[in-house]
Amino acid sequence: MYFAYELSRSFLQPMNVFAGAARAVLAAHPVGRPAAAAFEMVERATRRYPKPSWDLDTTTLAAEGTEVRVHRQIALVTPFCELLRFAREVDPSRPADPKVLVVAPISGHHATLLRETVRELLPAHDVYITDWIDARLVPADRGPFGLHDYIDLLIQMLQKLGPDAHILAVCQPCPAVLAAVARMAEDGDRSTPRTMTLMSGPVDSRINPTKVGEFAEKHSLAKFERTVIHRVPPGEPGHGRPVYPGVLQLNAFLSMDPLRHMEAHLKHAKHVAFGDDDAAQKHRRFYDEYFAVMDMPAEFYLETVGEIFQEQTLARGTMIHHGRKIRPEAIDHTALLTVEGGKDEITAPGQTYAAHALCRGLPANEKRQHLQADVGHYGTFSGTAWRQEIAPVIGAFIREHSAPSP
């Protein structure tokens, strides 16, 4: 499948070039816009979508109200992930803002999907993010990367940030983040974070099951391994590595609501044809991100399906990490905030809130839940509701539990 897909992309390259050139010529004249819209549809359907840029070069500091430049720094390099820091040009003598580790999902999309999440945190926080590396680019001799390697890496990153940091997980990493914090709390690790914010993640997929969880439970792991795991073909750095190709995950996302995506593209064609440039550009930005996919390590994908969606080991209290049981009840100092979308079609309400019952060692006043009733999955970390309602809640929660500035 992998080789056939890459071969078909190569064959379509001349069509892509022709459609792109035709679109550029025709779009310059109003009478040619309808044809330009058609050629753009062809060009976008045959395009390879690279990893998008972050486009986060400045921010306005919340305390001072002044605009400062932002530089991306690599704080830690591992075979499967780079820990990025969005370093702001600030006076080193000013009080330090809270350090926040944003954990992006390994779910087929690049970490840039959380661009808006980072943008809203930057004014008042020292932000780090897990920038996962496309598995097809990781040489096979670097070994496997599974769910428990993920947990180990999160612990390593929190130790890198040191005491008084905060952690925020979006979607799929919520169970792994909860497991990592539980292990650090039980071990008395001084770098255990002050707060843990879990957003729209499957802590317990048995609650209000969605199509994602139902599909995972319907098929055996052996069938998943047989049908969706492929080897990276020759010519790529990761040649021979078993992966879950990003294109398969993208097709799975699209199949959940194909009519909505079809209608969006038809509307886009109309916007191009009638010269509505703002609406057309908004569509392009969204789908440039949505169609830019990356491959996942096979081990991580299969272990996530097995432990999180089929056996629910964390939720049932049976998750074993390096021979020891994960005990969320050991968390007694890390304040917990869960965020859910009332219309979330991927992680239904209740699945993330389940963390509250698991963290029974935390007093009630150290637990918060925020339900944004009118948004779906992506609306919890991007869009109007995220900017105006959810981000302020998270910011206030982190500030409330931050160490006093020196």
Protein backbone atom coordinates (compact mmCIF):
# COMPACT_ATOMS: atom_id res chain seq x y z
CA MET A 1 0.00 0.00 0.00
CA TYR A 2 2.74 2.42 1.03
CA PHE A 3 4.74 1.90 -2.15
CA ALA A 4 1.62 2.06 -4.34
CA TYR A 5 0.56 5.35 -2.71
CA GLU A 6 3.98 6.94 -3.25
CA LEU A 7 4.04 5.70 -6.85
CA SER A 8 0.61 7.18 -7.57
CA ARG A 9 1.73 10.51 -6.13
CA SER A 10 4.69 10.51 -8.50
CA PHE A 11 2.45 9.82 -11.49
CA LEU A 12 0.13 12.67 -10.47
CA GLN A 13 2.94 15.22 -10.17
CA PRO A 14 2.70 16.45 -13.82
CA MET A 15 -1.06 16.95 -13.41
CA ASN A 16 -0.43 18.89 -10.22
CA VAL A 17 2.08 21.19 -11.92
CA PHE A 18 -0.24 21.83 -14.88
CA ALA A 19 -3.27 22.51 -12.67
CA GLY A 20 -1.26 24.90 -10.49
CA ALA A 21 0.00 26.86 -13.50
CA ALA A 22 -3.45 27.03 -15.10
CA ARG A 23 -4.98 28.23 -11.86
CA ALA A 24 -2.37 31.01 -11.49
CA VAL A 25 -3.03 32.29 -15.03
CA LEU A 26 -6.82 32.14 -14.88
CA ALA A 27 -7.18 33.57 -11.35
CA ALA A 28 -5.68 36.86 -12.54
CA HIS A 29 -8.84 37.69 -14.53
CA PRO A 30 -12.40 37.79 -13.11
CA VAL A 31 -13.82 35.94 -16.11
CA GLY A 32 -11.35 33.08 -15.49
CA ARG A 33 -12.08 32.60 -11.80
CA PRO A 34 -14.62 29.74 -12.21
CA ALA A 35 -12.08 27.76 -14.22
CA ALA A 36 -9.36 28.73 -11.73
CA ALA A 37 -11.51 27.30 -8.95
CA ALA A 38 -11.77 23.99 -10.79
CA PHE A 39 -8.03 23.84 -11.42
CA GLU A 40 -7.35 24.68 -7.76
CA MET A 41 -9.49 21.71 -6.71
CA VAL A 42 -7.36 19.47 -8.94
CA GLU A 43 -4.10 21.03 -7.76
CA ARG A 44 -4.97 20.62 -4.09
CA ALA A 45 -6.19 17.04 -4.57
CA THR A 46 -2.86 16.01 -6.15
CA ARG A 47 -0.54 18.04 -3.92
CA ARG A 48 1.90 16.79 -1.32
CA TYR A 49 1.28 18.74 1.88
CA PRO A 50 4.53 19.47 3.77
CA LYS A 51 4.78 20.11 7.49
CA PRO A 52 3.28 23.59 8.03
CA SER A 53 5.31 26.42 9.55
CA TRP A 54 4.63 27.66 13.07
CA ASP A 55 4.23 31.34 12.11
CA LEU A 56 4.64 32.41 15.72
CA ASP A 57 7.26 35.14 15.45
CA THR A 58 5.83 37.65 17.93
CA THR A 59 3.57 37.82 20.96
CA THR A 60 2.22 40.54 23.23
CA LEU A 61 3.21 40.07 26.86
CA ALA A 62 0.18 39.92 29.12
CA ALA A 63 1.83 41.75 32.02
CA GLU A 64 3.38 44.64 30.11
CA GLY A 65 1.19 44.80 27.00
CA THR A 66 4.28 45.10 24.82
CA GLU A 67 5.01 43.12 21.67
CA VAL A 68 8.17 41.00 21.70
CA ARG A 69 9.82 38.64 19.26
CA VAL A 70 9.58 34.87 19.68
CA HIS A 71 12.35 32.43 18.73
CA ARG A 72 12.04 28.66 18.49
CA GLN A 73 14.74 26.82 20.40
CA ILE A 74 15.34 23.08 20.57
CA ALA A 75 15.56 22.24 24.27
CA LEU A 76 15.91 18.47 23.89
CA VAL A 77 16.52 16.13 20.95
CA THR A 78 15.44 12.48 20.88
CA PRO A 79 15.03 10.10 17.93
CA PHE A 80 11.25 10.52 17.76
CA CYS A 81 10.68 13.99 19.17
CA GLU A 82 12.21 17.43 19.60
CA LEU A 83 11.23 19.47 22.61
CA LEU A 84 10.66 22.98 21.27
CA ARG A 85 10.73 26.12 23.37
CA PHE A 86 9.06 29.31 22.15
CA ALA A 87 11.54 31.69 23.73
CA ARG A 88 10.33 35.26 24.05
CA GLU A 89 12.69 38.24 23.99
CA VAL A 90 12.02 39.48 27.52
CA ASP A 91 14.01 41.32 30.13
CA PRO A 92 15.77 38.58 32.12
CA SER A 93 15.20 40.56 35.32
CA ARG A 94 11.41 40.46 35.00
CA PRO A 95 9.45 37.90 37.09
CA ALA A 96 9.45 34.54 35.33
CA ASP A 97 6.23 33.32 33.77
CA PRO A 98 5.09 29.73 34.46
CA LYS A 99 6.72 27.02 32.35
CA VAL A 100 4.13 25.00 30.44
CA LEU A 101 4.84 21.77 28.58
CA VAL A 102 2.21 21.32 25.84
CA VAL A 103 1.99 17.67 24.81
CA ALA A 104 0.82 17.36 21.22
CA PRO A 105 -0.74 14.11 20.02
CA ILE A 106 0.94 11.54 17.80
CA SER A 107 -2.21 11.05 15.77
CA GLY A 108 -1.19 11.61 12.16
CA HIS A 109 -0.98 15.41 12.26
CA HIS A 110 2.04 17.55 13.05
CA ALA A 111 2.34 19.46 16.31
CA THR A 112 1.62 22.64 14.32
CA LEU A 113 -2.05 21.64 14.60
CA LEU A 114 -1.75 23.23 18.06
CA ARG A 115 -0.44 26.53 16.70
CA GLU A 116 -3.41 28.44 18.07
CA THR A 117 -3.11 26.65 21.41
CA VAL A 118 0.47 27.88 21.71
CA ARG A 119 -0.41 31.37 20.45
CA GLU A 120 -2.90 31.93 23.27
CA LEU A 121 -0.52 30.62 25.93
CA LEU A 122 2.51 32.66 24.84
CA PRO A 123 1.55 36.06 26.34
CA ALA A 124 1.67 34.77 29.91
CA HIS A 125 3.68 31.53 29.82
CA ASP A 126 7.09 30.10 28.96
CA VAL A 127 5.84 27.53 26.44
CA TYR A 128 7.42 24.23 25.40
CA ILE A 129 5.86 21.68 23.05
CA THR A 130 6.52 18.12 21.91
CA ASP A 131 7.33 18.37 18.20
CA TRP A 132 7.01 14.75 17.08
CA ILE A 133 9.15 13.51 14.19
CA ASP A 134 7.57 11.73 11.24
CA ALA A 135 8.34 8.04 11.85
CA ARG A 136 9.28 7.51 8.19
CA LEU A 137 12.23 9.84 8.81
CA VAL A 138 13.57 7.89 11.81
CA PRO A 139 16.12 5.22 10.81
CA ALA A 140 14.99 1.72 11.72
CA ASP A 141 18.16 1.14 13.74
CA ARG A 142 16.99 3.75 16.28
CA GLY A 143 14.66 1.07 17.61
CA PRO A 144 10.93 0.99 18.41
CA PHE A 145 8.83 3.63 20.14
CA GLY A 146 5.80 2.45 22.08
CA LEU A 147 3.30 3.82 24.57
CA HIS A 148 5.58 3.21 27.54
CA ASP A 149 8.54 4.81 25.76
CA TYR A 150 6.21 7.80 25.38
CA ILE A 151 5.57 7.85 29.15
CA ASP A 152 9.32 7.67 29.81
CA LEU A 153 9.93 10.56 27.42
CA LEU A 154 7.33 12.75 29.14
CA ILE A 155 9.02 12.14 32.48
CA GLN A 156 12.38 13.02 30.92
CA MET A 157 10.97 16.27 29.53
CA LEU A 158 9.42 17.31 32.84
CA GLN A 159 12.72 16.62 34.56
CA LYS A 160 14.39 18.78 31.92
CA LEU A 161 12.02 21.65 32.76
CA GLY A 162 12.59 21.16 36.49
CA PRO A 163 10.36 21.97 39.48
CA ASP A 164 7.32 24.25 39.26
CA ALA A 165 6.44 23.40 35.64
CA HIS A 166 2.94 22.72 34.36
CA ILE A 167 1.79 20.17 31.77
CA LEU A 168 -1.06 20.41 29.28
CA ALA A 169 -2.11 17.48 27.09
CA VAL A 170 -4.35 17.73 24.05
CA CYS A 171 -6.36 14.67 23.00
CA GLN A 172 -4.55 11.36 22.61
CA PRO A 173 -1.66 11.98 25.07
CA CYS A 174 -3.97 12.53 28.06
CA PRO A 175 -3.68 8.92 29.35
CA ALA A 176 0.11 8.92 28.89
CA VAL A 177 0.44 12.27 30.69
CA LEU A 178 -1.70 11.04 33.57
CA ALA A 179 0.43 7.88 33.79
CA ALA A 180 3.70 9.87 33.71
CA VAL A 181 2.57 12.27 36.44
CA ALA A 182 1.32 9.36 38.55
CA ARG A 183 4.69 7.61 38.32
CA MET A 184 6.57 10.83 39.21
CA ALA A 185 4.27 11.51 42.16
CA GLU A 186 4.69 8.00 43.51
CA ASP A 187 8.48 8.26 43.18
CA GLY A 188 8.56 11.64 44.92
CA ASP A 189 10.17 13.24 41.86
CA ARG A 190 10.84 16.92 42.58
CA SER A 191 9.96 17.74 38.95
CA THR A 192 6.38 16.48 39.30
CA PRO A 193 4.34 19.30 37.69
CA ARG A 194 2.28 21.74 39.71
CA THR A 195 -0.76 21.37 37.43
CA MET A 196 -1.98 18.90 34.87
CA THR A 197 -4.50 20.05 32.25
CA LEU A 198 -6.11 17.25 30.24
CA MET A 199 -8.05 18.35 27.17
CA SER A 200 -10.41 16.14 25.16
CA GLY A 201 -8.49 12.93 25.78
CA PRO A 202 -9.62 9.27 26.10
CA VAL A 203 -8.80 8.65 29.76
CA ASP A 204 -11.72 6.19 29.82
CA SER A 205 -13.09 5.40 26.35
CA ARG A 206 -15.88 3.25 27.85
CA ILE A 207 -17.80 6.39 28.78
CA ASN A 208 -20.10 7.71 26.02
CA PRO A 209 -18.35 5.59 23.36
CA THR A 210 -17.64 7.29 20.02
CA LYS A 211 -16.99 5.83 16.58
CA VAL A 212 -13.27 5.93 17.29
CA GLY A 213 -13.50 3.72 20.36
CA GLU A 214 -16.15 1.44 18.89
CA PHE A 215 -14.04 0.82 15.79
CA ALA A 216 -10.99 0.00 17.92
CA GLU A 217 -12.95 -2.48 20.04
CA LYS A 218 -14.56 -4.14 17.02
CA HIS A 219 -11.30 -5.49 15.57
CA SER A 220 -8.46 -7.51 17.06
CA LEU A 221 -4.94 -6.14 17.37
CA ALA A 222 -3.81 -8.87 14.99
CA LYS A 223 -6.19 -7.54 12.36
CA PHE A 224 -4.96 -3.97 12.87
CA GLU A 225 -1.37 -5.13 12.52
CA ARG A 226 -2.22 -7.11 9.39
CA THR A 227 -4.22 -4.41 7.63
CA VAL A 228 -2.89 -0.97 8.60
CA ILE A 229 0.75 -1.46 9.55
CA HIS A 230 3.19 -1.05 6.65
CA ARG A 231 6.95 -0.83 6.16
CA VAL A 232 8.57 2.43 5.09
CA PRO A 233 9.68 1.88 1.47
CA PRO A 234 13.23 2.27 0.11
CA GLY A 235 14.42 5.81 -0.47
CA GLU A 236 13.23 7.11 2.91
CA PRO A 237 15.45 7.51 6.00
CA GLY A 238 13.19 5.13 7.92
CA HIS A 239 13.34 2.40 5.26
CA GLY A 240 12.07 -0.85 6.77
CA ARG A 241 10.50 0.69 9.88
CA PRO A 242 6.95 -0.56 10.59
CA VAL A 243 4.55 2.40 10.70
CA TYR A 244 0.92 3.36 10.67
CA PRO A 245 0.90 5.65 7.61
CA GLY A 246 -0.48 9.12 8.15
CA VAL A 247 -2.56 8.88 4.98
CA LEU A 248 -4.56 6.03 6.54
CA GLN A 249 -5.25 8.11 9.63
CA LEU A 250 -6.29 11.03 7.45
CA ASN A 251 -8.70 8.81 5.53
CA ALA A 252 -10.11 7.62 8.86
CA PHE A 253 -10.69 11.22 9.97
CA LEU A 254 -12.32 12.13 6.65
CA SER A 255 -14.60 9.07 6.72
CA MET A 256 -16.09 10.15 10.03
CA ASP A 257 -17.93 13.03 8.33
CA PRO A 258 -17.29 12.95 4.56
CA LEU A 259 -20.26 15.16 3.68
CA ARG A 260 -18.96 18.00 5.85
CA HIS A 261 -15.58 17.94 4.11
CA MET A 262 -17.18 17.71 0.65
CA GLU A 263 -19.43 20.68 1.39
CA ALA A 264 -16.43 22.66 2.67
CA HIS A 265 -14.56 22.10 -0.60
CA LEU A 266 -17.57 22.99 -2.73
CA LYS A 267 -18.00 26.21 -0.76
CA HIS A 268 -14.33 26.91 -1.26
CA ALA A 269 -14.70 26.54 -5.04
CA LYS A 270 -17.55 29.08 -4.94
CA HIS A 271 -15.48 31.48 -2.85
CA VAL A 272 -12.63 31.30 -5.38
CA ALA A 273 -15.00 31.65 -8.35
CA PHE A 274 -16.69 34.74 -6.88
CA GLY A 275 -13.52 36.38 -5.55
CA ASP A 276 -14.15 35.96 -1.81
CA ASP A 277 -10.44 35.88 -1.00
CA ASP A 278 -10.74 36.01 2.80
CA ALA A 279 -13.02 32.96 2.98
CA ALA A 280 -10.89 31.09 0.43
CA GLN A 281 -7.70 31.77 2.35
CA LYS A 282 -9.26 30.61 5.61
CA HIS A 283 -10.18 27.31 3.94
CA ARG A 284 -6.68 26.90 2.53
CA ARG A 285 -5.05 27.49 5.91
CA PHE A 286 -7.23 24.90 7.62
CA TYR A 287 -6.84 22.17 5.02
CA ASP A 288 -3.13 22.82 4.47
CA GLU A 289 -2.78 21.83 8.12
CA TYR A 290 -5.38 19.07 8.05
CA PHE A 291 -3.91 17.33 5.00
CA ALA A 292 -0.31 17.53 6.23
CA VAL A 293 0.13 14.12 7.85
CA MET A 294 2.95 12.09 9.34
CA ASP A 295 3.49 8.39 9.97
CA MET A 296 3.27 6.94 13.48
CA PRO A 297 5.54 4.26 14.94
CA ALA A 298 3.70 0.95 14.63
CA GLU A 299 4.42 0.00 18.25
CA PHE A 300 2.90 3.19 19.59
CA TYR A 301 -0.21 2.89 17.45
CA LEU A 302 -0.88 -0.76 18.33
CA GLU A 303 -0.17 -0.33 22.04
CA THR A 304 -2.45 2.72 22.19
CA VAL A 305 -5.27 0.83 20.48
CA GLY A 306 -4.75 -2.15 22.77
CA GLU A 307 -4.24 -0.49 26.14
CA ILE A 308 -6.29 2.71 25.83
CA PHE A 309 -9.22 1.72 23.60
CA GLN A 310 -9.56 -2.05 23.99
CA GLU A 311 -8.39 -2.94 27.49
CA GLN A 312 -8.64 0.53 29.10
CA THR A 313 -5.76 -0.46 31.40
CA LEU A 314 -5.29 3.01 32.91
CA ALA A 315 -9.00 3.47 33.62
CA ARG A 316 -9.31 -0.04 35.06
CA GLY A 317 -6.22 0.33 37.25
CA THR A 318 -4.28 -2.44 35.50
CA MET A 319 -1.67 -0.48 33.51
CA ILE A 320 1.82 -1.86 34.13
CA HIS A 321 4.83 0.33 33.39
CA HIS A 322 8.26 -1.32 33.64
CA GLY A 323 6.88 -3.97 35.96
CA ARG A 324 5.04 -1.56 38.27
CA LYS A 325 1.37 -0.65 38.36
CA ILE A 326 0.48 2.93 37.46
CA ARG A 327 -1.33 4.47 40.45
CA PRO A 328 -3.10 7.78 39.64
CA GLU A 329 -4.24 7.86 43.27
CA ALA A 330 -0.63 8.67 44.19
CA ILE A 331 -1.07 12.14 42.69
CA ASP A 332 -1.62 14.39 45.70
CA HIS A 333 0.02 17.73 44.85
CA THR A 334 -0.55 18.20 41.10
CA ALA A 335 -3.78 20.16 40.62
CA LEU A 336 -6.02 18.74 37.89
CA LEU A 337 -8.05 20.58 35.24
CA THR A 338 -10.04 18.69 32.61
CA VAL A 339 -11.50 20.36 29.52
CA GLU A 340 -14.17 18.80 27.33
CA GLY A 341 -16.31 19.82 24.36
CA GLY A 342 -20.03 19.16 24.61
CA LYS A 343 -20.19 18.23 20.92
CA ASP A 344 -16.90 16.32 20.77
CA GLU A 345 -17.32 13.58 18.18
CA ILE A 346 -13.91 11.96 18.86
CA THR A 347 -13.60 12.06 22.66
CA ALA A 348 -17.07 12.38 24.11
CA PRO A 349 -17.83 14.29 27.33
CA GLY A 350 -17.04 12.17 30.37
CA GLN A 351 -14.03 10.38 28.90
CA THR A 352 -11.57 13.03 30.08
CA TYR A 353 -13.48 13.89 33.25
CA ALA A 354 -12.88 10.27 34.30
CA ALA A 355 -9.43 11.41 35.47
CA HIS A 356 -11.06 13.03 38.51
CA ALA A 357 -12.17 9.66 39.92
CA LEU A 358 -8.78 8.11 39.20
CA CYS A 359 -6.94 10.93 41.01
CA ARG A 360 -8.70 10.23 44.28
CA GLY A 361 -5.64 11.30 46.28
CA LEU A 362 -6.24 14.92 45.27
CA PRO A 363 -8.55 17.02 47.45
CA ALA A 364 -11.71 18.23 45.74
CA ASN A 365 -10.54 21.85 45.73
CA GLU A 366 -7.54 20.83 43.57
CA LYS A 367 -9.76 19.45 40.79
CA ARG A 368 -11.60 21.50 38.17
CA GLN A 369 -13.73 20.59 35.16
CA HIS A 370 -14.55 22.90 32.25
CA LEU A 371 -17.23 21.79 29.80
CA GLN A 372 -17.52 23.94 26.68
CA ALA A 373 -21.00 22.89 25.66
CA ASP A 374 -21.09 24.31 22.15
CA VAL A 375 -17.85 22.99 20.60
CA GLY A 376 -16.59 19.82 18.99
CA HIS A 377 -13.18 18.19 19.34
CA TYR A 378 -11.02 20.77 17.56
CA GLY A 379 -12.94 23.65 19.12
CA THR A 380 -11.49 22.87 22.53
CA PHE A 381 -7.98 23.92 21.47
CA SER A 382 -8.53 26.28 18.53
CA GLY A 383 -11.15 28.74 17.35
CA THR A 384 -13.28 31.38 19.02
CA ALA A 385 -14.35 29.37 22.08
CA TRP A 386 -10.75 28.37 22.75
CA ARG A 387 -9.50 31.95 22.52
CA GLN A 388 -12.29 33.68 24.41
CA GLU A 389 -13.37 31.15 27.03
CA ILE A 390 -11.16 28.06 27.41
CA ALA A 391 -7.67 29.61 27.26
CA PRO A 392 -8.50 32.20 29.98
CA VAL A 393 -9.72 29.38 32.25
CA ILE A 394 -6.48 27.45 31.76
CA GLY A 395 -4.35 30.55 32.25
CA ALA A 396 -6.10 31.43 35.51
CA PHE A 397 -5.78 27.83 36.74
CA ILE A 398 -2.03 27.76 36.06
CA ARG A 399 -1.48 31.14 37.68
CA GLU A 400 -3.41 30.08 40.77
CA HIS A 401 -1.11 27.10 41.25
CA SER A 402 2.20 28.68 40.24
CA ALA A 403 5.09 29.19 42.57
CA PRO A 404 5.65 32.77 43.74
CA SER A 405 8.09 34.59 41.48
CA PRO A 406 11.56 35.02 42.96
